């Protein structure tokens, strides 16, 4: 706090210097930012003022994506089918899902109820994609008799798939995809996966044999993604006091101990659930020495049990700039000031935060304590001076409160107590002469008597000077 003496010209020049100093501090802060790229890159998302409430809200866009190849809980072997048949086939199948979920939204921090945290999802900000693949292996068994001779064979039926069997499903949705979630369902028509001549496979074991193995497949599948919560953690990996954001709560909160900013780790957590049925439709036939055998074409449905996997996204670190007001004093004593005069004091207002600080200053005695600026905006990491003038209109003690209100999240109101003493003006002399003496006792009378003697002496000197002047004029004549 500094004092200024009287005069509006001084205050005017001070205001100009204050603006220059604020600009200089902002330039210095910008230079420091350029010199510290490592600090700026420590976070993933930087919050900026919300368009609809820029002084009390910061919003940071956040995006998440996760892709994973998941073997579903279907690793199934049919065993030899049909039972008791001269031709049998054994099939083994596994289903895989390449799943991707992407989400976009924002983290919003609002105050003065510091700090309220919400995570609005973007409209159309979610995407759910599943690509299913299939791995099928086959074995065959032959146990036939021709002209009293038995022929037996068991072995693998290798094949090159005729198609790359894949099922692709995709859907966009509004983030975050709360319960009941987003479901992708798909059913395919039977597709020919394998068609193999058995002559080359079995001919070495059973000369003259011929036949084919064919396999058609179809898939009915459904997948559902659900976001259960948006986890909010401090940098120490502790959940914020208000807990995670869920569909039920809709918001969270955290304590704000002051400072230029806060940083949080934001992470959606959900699950993916799969269920479905794989349809295997084999055909197996052989011929030997004019006889033919085959198994009936049948749909072998393999229902894979429900598979559910936790779906935890990698977190985003969000940096939220905040305003933070600091006063260099909370009490001012202007001392004694004559009525009709003024004394000015300076209070330094510093924004130790990173976001714009909006300040409104009021007083409950605007007649005696005048505010040069009642509304101020202070950029982050800069400071300006607030001028308060004490201009008493009456003699006596004066005390007032100056309220400094701002968008500081933890101390939105700060108080400066101001006081001063007004001194009465000296009484003006009557008719331009000295003020009349007051009779207040013997001492005053003695002084008056001494004053009368002095007056007579002065009169005598004046007469002597006049006589001397007349004599000089006569000599000159």
Foldseek 3Di string as FASTA:
>chain_A
DFWDFFDPVVVVVQVVVQVVQQVVQVVVVVVVCVVCVVVVPPFFWEWAADPVGRFFKTKTKDKFKDKDKAWFQAFDKDPWPDPPFQKTKIKTKTKIKTKMKMFIWMWMFGDLVATKIFTAGAFLGMKIKIKMFMDMWMKMWGWDADPRDTAIDIDTDDFQFPDRDMDIWMDTGTPPQAPVFDKTWDKDDKDKTGKDWCCVVCCVRPPQKTWIKTKIKIKTKMKGKHWAWKFKAFPVRHGAPQGTQGPVNRIGHHDDPDAAWGKIWIKIKIKMKMWIKMWMWMKIKMDHPHDIDIDDTDIDIDTRDMDMDIDITGIGMYIYGFWGKDKPAQEEEPEEDEAVTKMKDKIKIFTQYQAKKWKAKDKPCCPQKPWPDGIDIRHHGGMGITMIMGHDNDFAKDKIKMWIAISHNPDRIGIHIYIYGYDYDPDDDPPPDDNDDDDDDDVVVVVVVVVVVVVVVVVVVVVVVVVVVVVVVVVVD
